[in-house]
Amino acid sequence: MKMNFARAAAGGVVGTVVMTVIGMFVSPMMGMPAMNPAEMLAGPMGGSMMMGWVGHFMIGMVLAVTYGAVASSLPGAPPMRGALFAIAPWLMAQVAVMPMMGMPLFSGSAQMAMGSLVGHVMYGAAVGAIYGHPDAGAATD
């Protein structure tokens, strides 16, 4: 199976937007503080919000391309495949990335970790939905 890089990149952009909207606007409605991933990344990247946004979208696209490479091995419909895939980057974020950014494991609270899980799963579902069935329209572009 050949991966469709264009669909993966498009899924990464849309999925990252979905996750960002959830973190910045939906989280406060659920009683959590707004989570701005670009702001969280900006600190370790020298304080530049622009670099935080670039980093955030680059991560989203790299993860979506990774999803494209493994999608055929995951069960279910495309959105479910993406949601299942997204559990791995969420776990990595909670046990490795957050501590590297000076935050505690699992964001320091079950509520924050669950909010992050919701964002990641919705990111993955969006990526899966846009990428579609792994064997449909495969290309090497």
N, C-alpha and C. Protein backbone atom coordinates (compact mmCIF):
# COMPACT_ATOMS: atom_id res chain seq x y z
N MET A 1 0.83 -1.19 0.00
CA MET A 1 0.00 0.00 0.00
C MET A 1 0.88 1.25 0.00
N LYS A 2 0.54 2.18 -0.85
CA LYS A 2 1.25 3.45 -0.91
C LYS A 2 0.47 4.50 -0.15
N MET A 3 1.19 5.35 0.55
CA MET A 3 0.55 6.40 1.33
C MET A 3 0.22 7.59 0.44
N ASN A 4 -0.90 8.24 0.76
CA ASN A 4 -1.29 9.45 0.05
C ASN A 4 -0.86 10.64 0.91
N PHE A 5 0.28 11.24 0.57
CA PHE A 5 0.82 12.33 1.36
C PHE A 5 -0.07 13.57 1.35
N ALA A 6 -0.72 13.84 0.24
CA ALA A 6 -1.59 15.02 0.17
C ALA A 6 -2.76 14.89 1.13
N ARG A 7 -3.38 13.71 1.17
CA ARG A 7 -4.50 13.50 2.11
C ARG A 7 -4.00 13.52 3.55
N ALA A 8 -2.82 12.97 3.79
CA ALA A 8 -2.27 12.98 5.14
C ALA A 8 -1.99 14.41 5.59
N ALA A 9 -1.38 15.21 4.73
CA ALA A 9 -1.07 16.61 5.08
C ALA A 9 -2.35 17.40 5.32
N ALA A 10 -3.35 17.21 4.46
CA ALA A 10 -4.63 17.91 4.64
C ALA A 10 -5.27 17.47 5.95
N GLY A 11 -5.24 16.18 6.23
CA GLY A 11 -5.78 15.69 7.50
C GLY A 11 -5.04 16.27 8.69
N GLY A 12 -3.73 16.40 8.57
CA GLY A 12 -2.93 16.97 9.65
C GLY A 12 -3.29 18.41 9.94
N VAL A 13 -3.50 19.19 8.89
CA VAL A 13 -3.87 20.60 9.07
C VAL A 13 -5.25 20.70 9.71
N VAL A 14 -6.23 19.98 9.15
CA VAL A 14 -7.59 20.05 9.69
C VAL A 14 -7.64 19.49 11.11
N GLY A 15 -6.99 18.36 11.34
CA GLY A 15 -6.97 17.78 12.68
C GLY A 15 -6.34 18.71 13.70
N THR A 16 -5.28 19.41 13.31
CA THR A 16 -4.62 20.35 14.21
C THR A 16 -5.54 21.53 14.52
N VAL A 17 -6.28 21.99 13.52
CA VAL A 17 -7.25 23.07 13.77
C VAL A 17 -8.32 22.59 14.74
N VAL A 18 -8.83 21.38 14.52
CA VAL A 18 -9.86 20.82 15.41
C VAL A 18 -9.34 20.75 16.84
N MET A 19 -8.14 20.21 17.01
CA MET A 19 -7.57 20.08 18.35
C MET A 19 -7.36 21.45 19.00
N THR A 20 -6.92 22.42 18.21
CA THR A 20 -6.69 23.76 18.73
C THR A 20 -7.99 24.40 19.19
N VAL A 21 -9.03 24.26 18.39
CA VAL A 21 -10.33 24.83 18.77
C VAL A 21 -10.83 24.18 20.06
N ILE A 22 -10.68 22.88 20.17
CA ILE A 22 -11.10 22.19 21.40
C ILE A 22 -10.31 22.72 22.59
N GLY A 23 -9.00 22.82 22.45
CA GLY A 23 -8.17 23.27 23.56
C GLY A 23 -8.42 24.70 23.96
N MET A 24 -8.62 25.56 22.99
CA MET A 24 -8.74 26.99 23.31
C MET A 24 -10.17 27.42 23.65
N PHE A 25 -11.17 26.76 23.05
CA PHE A 25 -12.54 27.24 23.21
C PHE A 25 -13.49 26.26 23.89
N VAL A 26 -13.32 24.96 23.64
CA VAL A 26 -14.22 23.97 24.24
C VAL A 26 -13.78 23.64 25.67
N SER A 27 -12.49 23.52 25.91
CA SER A 27 -11.99 23.20 27.25
C SER A 27 -12.54 24.14 28.32
N PRO A 28 -12.54 25.46 28.09
CA PRO A 28 -13.10 26.34 29.12
C PRO A 28 -14.58 26.08 29.40
N MET A 29 -15.32 25.60 28.39
CA MET A 29 -16.73 25.27 28.61
C MET A 29 -16.89 24.02 29.46
N MET A 30 -15.83 23.21 29.55
CA MET A 30 -15.84 21.99 30.35
C MET A 30 -15.21 22.23 31.72
N GLY A 31 -14.99 23.49 32.07
CA GLY A 31 -14.45 23.82 33.38
C GLY A 31 -12.94 23.74 33.48
N MET A 32 -12.26 23.66 32.35
CA MET A 32 -10.79 23.61 32.36
C MET A 32 -10.24 24.90 31.81
N PRO A 33 -9.00 25.20 32.14
CA PRO A 33 -8.41 26.39 31.52
C PRO A 33 -8.21 26.18 30.03
N ALA A 34 -8.20 27.27 29.30
CA ALA A 34 -7.92 27.19 27.86
C ALA A 34 -6.52 26.62 27.68
N MET A 35 -6.39 25.72 26.71
CA MET A 35 -5.10 25.10 26.43
C MET A 35 -4.67 25.55 25.03
N ASN A 36 -3.70 26.43 24.99
CA ASN A 36 -3.17 26.92 23.73
C ASN A 36 -1.87 26.17 23.44
N PRO A 37 -1.92 25.17 22.55
CA PRO A 37 -0.72 24.37 22.30
C PRO A 37 0.44 25.19 21.76
N ALA A 38 0.16 26.20 20.96
CA ALA A 38 1.24 27.03 20.43
C ALA A 38 1.94 27.79 21.54
N GLU A 39 1.17 28.28 22.48
CA GLU A 39 1.75 28.99 23.63
C GLU A 39 2.58 28.04 24.48
N MET A 40 2.08 26.81 24.65
CA MET A 40 2.81 25.82 25.43
C MET A 40 4.14 25.48 24.77
N LEU A 41 4.17 25.44 23.43
CA LEU A 41 5.40 25.14 22.71
C LEU A 41 6.32 26.35 22.60
N ALA A 42 5.76 27.54 22.64
CA ALA A 42 6.55 28.76 22.43
C ALA A 42 7.64 28.91 23.49
N GLY A 43 7.33 28.60 24.73
CA GLY A 43 8.32 28.75 25.81
C GLY A 43 9.59 27.98 25.53
N PRO A 44 9.49 26.65 25.31
CA PRO A 44 10.70 25.88 25.02
C PRO A 44 11.38 26.27 23.70
N MET A 45 10.64 26.98 22.83
CA MET A 45 11.20 27.37 21.54
C MET A 45 11.69 28.82 21.56
N GLY A 46 11.97 29.36 22.73
CA GLY A 46 12.51 30.70 22.82
C GLY A 46 11.48 31.80 22.99
N GLY A 47 10.23 31.44 23.22
CA GLY A 47 9.22 32.44 23.50
C GLY A 47 8.48 32.99 22.30
N SER A 48 8.81 32.57 21.11
CA SER A 48 8.17 33.08 19.91
C SER A 48 6.85 32.35 19.66
N MET A 49 5.73 33.11 19.70
CA MET A 49 4.43 32.51 19.42
C MET A 49 4.38 31.99 17.99
N MET A 50 5.00 32.70 17.06
CA MET A 50 5.01 32.24 15.67
C MET A 50 5.67 30.87 15.57
N MET A 51 6.79 30.70 16.26
CA MET A 51 7.47 29.40 16.25
C MET A 51 6.60 28.34 16.94
N GLY A 52 5.87 28.73 17.97
CA GLY A 52 4.95 27.81 18.63
C GLY A 52 3.88 27.31 17.68
N TRP A 53 3.29 28.25 16.89
CA TRP A 53 2.26 27.85 15.92
C TRP A 53 2.85 26.98 14.83
N VAL A 54 4.02 27.36 14.32
CA VAL A 54 4.66 26.56 13.28
C VAL A 54 4.95 25.16 13.82
N GLY A 55 5.50 25.09 15.01
CA GLY A 55 5.79 23.80 15.63
C GLY A 55 4.54 22.95 15.82
N HIS A 56 3.47 23.59 16.29
CA HIS A 56 2.21 22.89 16.54
C HIS A 56 1.67 22.27 15.24
N PHE A 57 1.66 23.05 14.17
CA PHE A 57 1.15 22.52 12.90
C PHE A 57 2.10 21.51 12.27
N MET A 58 3.40 21.69 12.45
CA MET A 58 4.37 20.71 11.94
C MET A 58 4.16 19.37 12.65
N ILE A 59 4.01 19.40 13.96
CA ILE A 59 3.77 18.17 14.71
C ILE A 59 2.49 17.50 14.22
N GLY A 60 1.44 18.29 14.03
CA GLY A 60 0.18 17.74 13.54
C GLY A 60 0.32 17.08 12.18
N MET A 61 1.11 17.68 11.31
CA MET A 61 1.29 17.10 9.97
C MET A 61 2.19 15.86 10.01
N VAL A 62 3.24 15.89 10.81
CA VAL A 62 4.11 14.72 10.92
C VAL A 62 3.34 13.53 11.49
N LEU A 63 2.52 13.80 12.52
CA LEU A 63 1.71 12.72 13.08
C LEU A 63 0.71 12.19 12.05
N ALA A 64 0.14 13.06 11.24
CA ALA A 64 -0.81 12.62 10.22
C ALA A 64 -0.13 11.77 9.16
N VAL A 65 1.08 12.11 8.77
CA VAL A 65 1.83 11.28 7.81
C VAL A 65 2.15 9.93 8.46
N THR A 66 2.50 9.95 9.73
CA THR A 66 2.73 8.69 10.45
C THR A 66 1.46 7.85 10.46
N TYR A 67 0.32 8.52 10.70
CA TYR A 67 -0.96 7.82 10.64
C TYR A 67 -1.15 7.16 9.27
N GLY A 68 -0.87 7.90 8.21
CA GLY A 68 -1.01 7.35 6.87
C GLY A 68 -0.19 6.09 6.66
N ALA A 69 0.96 6.03 7.32
CA ALA A 69 1.84 4.87 7.17
C ALA A 69 1.32 3.65 7.92
N VAL A 70 0.54 3.85 8.98
CA VAL A 70 0.08 2.72 9.79
C VAL A 70 -1.43 2.49 9.72
N ALA A 71 -2.14 3.34 9.00
CA ALA A 71 -3.61 3.28 9.00
C ALA A 71 -4.16 1.92 8.61
N SER A 72 -3.53 1.27 7.66
CA SER A 72 -4.07 -0.01 7.19
C SER A 72 -3.99 -1.10 8.26
N SER A 73 -3.16 -0.91 9.28
CA SER A 73 -3.04 -1.92 10.33
C SER A 73 -4.01 -1.69 11.48
N LEU A 74 -4.79 -0.62 11.43
CA LEU A 74 -5.73 -0.30 12.51
C LEU A 74 -7.14 -0.76 12.14
N PRO A 75 -7.93 -1.18 13.13
CA PRO A 75 -9.29 -1.65 12.84
C PRO A 75 -10.29 -0.50 12.75
N GLY A 76 -11.40 -0.78 12.10
CA GLY A 76 -12.51 0.15 12.10
C GLY A 76 -12.57 1.07 10.90
N ALA A 77 -13.61 1.92 10.94
CA ALA A 77 -13.80 2.93 9.91
C ALA A 77 -12.72 4.00 10.06
N PRO A 78 -12.45 4.78 9.01
CA PRO A 78 -11.37 5.77 9.07
C PRO A 78 -11.37 6.69 10.30
N PRO A 79 -12.50 7.29 10.71
CA PRO A 79 -12.42 8.14 11.92
C PRO A 79 -12.03 7.35 13.17
N MET A 80 -12.49 6.10 13.27
CA MET A 80 -12.12 5.27 14.42
C MET A 80 -10.64 4.91 14.38
N ARG A 81 -10.14 4.61 13.19
CA ARG A 81 -8.71 4.32 13.05
C ARG A 81 -7.88 5.51 13.53
N GLY A 82 -8.29 6.71 13.11
CA GLY A 82 -7.57 7.91 13.51
C GLY A 82 -7.65 8.15 15.01
N ALA A 83 -8.83 7.93 15.58
CA ALA A 83 -8.99 8.12 17.03
C ALA A 83 -8.13 7.13 17.81
N LEU A 84 -8.09 5.87 17.35
CA LEU A 84 -7.23 4.87 18.01
C LEU A 84 -5.76 5.26 17.89
N PHE A 85 -5.36 5.68 16.71
CA PHE A 85 -3.98 6.10 16.49
C PHE A 85 -3.59 7.23 17.45
N ALA A 86 -4.51 8.18 17.67
CA ALA A 86 -4.21 9.38 18.45
C ALA A 86 -3.93 9.09 19.92
N ILE A 87 -4.29 7.92 20.39
CA ILE A 87 -3.99 7.57 21.78
C ILE A 87 -2.48 7.49 22.00
N ALA A 88 -1.74 7.02 21.01
CA ALA A 88 -0.28 6.91 21.15
C ALA A 88 0.39 8.28 21.29
N PRO A 89 0.10 9.26 20.41
CA PRO A 89 0.72 10.57 20.63
C PRO A 89 0.25 11.24 21.92
N TRP A 90 -1.00 11.00 22.33
CA TRP A 90 -1.46 11.56 23.60
C TRP A 90 -0.63 10.99 24.75
N LEU A 91 -0.42 9.69 24.75
CA LEU A 91 0.35 9.06 25.82
C LEU A 91 1.79 9.59 25.82
N MET A 92 2.38 9.72 24.63
CA MET A 92 3.73 10.25 24.54
C MET A 92 3.78 11.69 25.06
N ALA A 93 2.78 12.47 24.72
CA ALA A 93 2.73 13.86 25.20
C ALA A 93 2.66 13.90 26.72
N GLN A 94 1.86 13.02 27.29
CA GLN A 94 1.64 13.05 28.73
C GLN A 94 2.83 12.53 29.55
N VAL A 95 3.55 11.55 29.03
CA VAL A 95 4.65 10.98 29.81
C VAL A 95 6.03 11.47 29.41
N ALA A 96 6.15 12.12 28.25
CA ALA A 96 7.47 12.59 27.82
C ALA A 96 7.49 14.09 27.52
N VAL A 97 6.57 14.54 26.67
CA VAL A 97 6.62 15.94 26.22
C VAL A 97 6.28 16.91 27.34
N MET A 98 5.20 16.65 28.07
CA MET A 98 4.83 17.57 29.15
C MET A 98 5.96 17.71 30.18
N PRO A 99 6.55 16.61 30.66
CA PRO A 99 7.68 16.77 31.58
C PRO A 99 8.87 17.53 30.97
N MET A 100 9.12 17.35 29.66
CA MET A 100 10.21 18.11 29.02
C MET A 100 9.91 19.60 29.01
N MET A 101 8.62 19.96 29.03
CA MET A 101 8.23 21.37 29.04
C MET A 101 8.03 21.88 30.46
N GLY A 102 8.43 21.09 31.46
CA GLY A 102 8.36 21.54 32.83
C GLY A 102 7.04 21.28 33.53
N MET A 103 6.17 20.50 32.91
CA MET A 103 4.88 20.18 33.53
C MET A 103 4.93 18.76 34.09
N PRO A 104 4.05 18.45 35.04
CA PRO A 104 4.06 17.10 35.62
C PRO A 104 3.51 16.05 34.65
N LEU A 105 3.77 14.79 34.97
CA LEU A 105 3.19 13.69 34.21
C LEU A 105 1.67 13.85 34.15
N PHE A 106 1.10 13.46 33.05
CA PHE A 106 -0.34 13.53 32.83
C PHE A 106 -0.91 14.90 33.19
N SER A 107 -0.17 15.92 32.80
CA SER A 107 -0.57 17.33 32.93
C SER A 107 -0.85 17.75 34.37
N GLY A 108 -0.48 16.92 35.33
CA GLY A 108 -0.66 17.28 36.73
C GLY A 108 -2.04 17.02 37.29
N SER A 109 -2.99 16.61 36.46
CA SER A 109 -4.32 16.29 36.98
C SER A 109 -5.06 15.40 35.99
N ALA A 110 -5.94 14.60 36.53
CA ALA A 110 -6.74 13.71 35.68
C ALA A 110 -7.63 14.53 34.76
N GLN A 111 -8.16 15.65 35.24
CA GLN A 111 -9.05 16.48 34.43
C GLN A 111 -8.30 17.06 33.22
N MET A 112 -7.09 17.57 33.45
CA MET A 112 -6.31 18.12 32.34
C MET A 112 -5.88 17.01 31.38
N ALA A 113 -5.49 15.86 31.91
CA ALA A 113 -5.09 14.75 31.05
C ALA A 113 -6.27 14.28 30.19
N MET A 114 -7.46 14.23 30.78
CA MET A 114 -8.64 13.80 30.02
C MET A 114 -9.01 14.85 28.96
N GLY A 115 -8.87 16.12 29.30
CA GLY A 115 -9.10 17.16 28.31
C GLY A 115 -8.15 17.03 27.14
N SER A 116 -6.90 16.72 27.44
CA SER A 116 -5.91 16.51 26.39
C SER A 116 -6.27 15.27 25.56
N LEU A 117 -6.73 14.23 26.23
CA LEU A 117 -7.13 13.01 25.51
C LEU A 117 -8.27 13.31 24.53
N VAL A 118 -9.26 14.08 24.98
CA VAL A 118 -10.37 14.45 24.10
C VAL A 118 -9.84 15.19 22.87
N GLY A 119 -8.96 16.15 23.08
CA GLY A 119 -8.38 16.89 21.96
C GLY A 119 -7.63 16.00 21.00
N HIS A 120 -6.82 15.09 21.53
CA HIS A 120 -6.05 14.19 20.68
C HIS A 120 -6.96 13.23 19.91
N VAL A 121 -7.96 12.68 20.58
CA VAL A 121 -8.86 11.73 19.91
C VAL A 121 -9.65 12.43 18.80
N MET A 122 -10.08 13.65 19.05
CA MET A 122 -10.80 14.40 18.01
C MET A 122 -9.86 14.75 16.86
N TYR A 123 -8.61 15.09 17.18
CA TYR A 123 -7.59 15.30 16.13
C TYR A 123 -7.50 14.05 15.27
N GLY A 124 -7.32 12.90 15.93
CA GLY A 124 -7.17 11.65 15.20
C GLY A 124 -8.38 11.30 14.36
N ALA A 125 -9.58 11.53 14.90
CA ALA A 125 -10.80 11.24 14.14
C ALA A 125 -10.87 12.12 12.89
N ALA A 126 -10.48 13.38 13.03
CA ALA A 126 -10.48 14.28 11.87
C ALA A 126 -9.44 13.83 10.84
N VAL A 127 -8.26 13.46 11.30
CA VAL A 127 -7.23 12.97 10.38
C VAL A 127 -7.72 11.73 9.65
N GLY A 128 -8.28 10.78 10.41
CA GLY A 128 -8.79 9.55 9.81
C GLY A 128 -9.89 9.82 8.80
N ALA A 129 -10.81 10.72 9.14
CA ALA A 129 -11.92 11.03 8.24
C ALA A 129 -11.41 11.64 6.94
N ILE A 130 -10.44 12.52 7.03
CA ILE A 130 -9.93 13.18 5.83
C ILE A 130 -9.03 12.24 5.03
N TYR A 131 -8.23 11.46 5.73
CA TYR A 131 -7.37 10.51 5.02
C TYR A 131 -8.21 9.45 4.33
N GLY A 132 -9.29 9.06 4.97
CA GLY A 132 -10.19 8.08 4.37
C GLY A 132 -9.66 6.67 4.49
N HIS A 133 -10.22 5.79 3.70
CA HIS A 133 -9.79 4.39 3.72
C HIS A 133 -8.36 4.32 3.21
N PRO A 134 -7.47 3.62 3.92
CA PRO A 134 -6.06 3.61 3.54
C PRO A 134 -5.77 3.13 2.12
N ASP A 135 -6.63 2.29 1.57
CA ASP A 135 -6.35 1.76 0.24
C ASP A 135 -7.04 2.54 -0.86
N ALA A 136 -7.89 3.51 -0.52
CA ALA A 136 -8.64 4.27 -1.53
C ALA A 136 -7.78 5.40 -2.07
N GLY A 137 -7.57 5.42 -3.34
CA GLY A 137 -6.87 6.55 -3.97
C GLY A 137 -5.44 6.73 -3.51
N ALA A 138 -4.76 5.64 -3.18
CA ALA A 138 -3.38 5.76 -2.72
C ALA A 138 -2.53 6.38 -3.83
N ALA A 139 -1.62 7.21 -3.40
CA ALA A 139 -0.72 7.88 -4.36
C ALA A 139 0.63 8.06 -3.70
N THR A 140 1.60 8.36 -4.48
CA THR A 140 2.95 8.58 -3.94
C THR A 140 3.32 10.05 -3.98
N ASP A 141 2.31 10.93 -4.14
CA ASP A 141 2.63 12.36 -4.31
C ASP A 141 3.32 12.97 -3.14
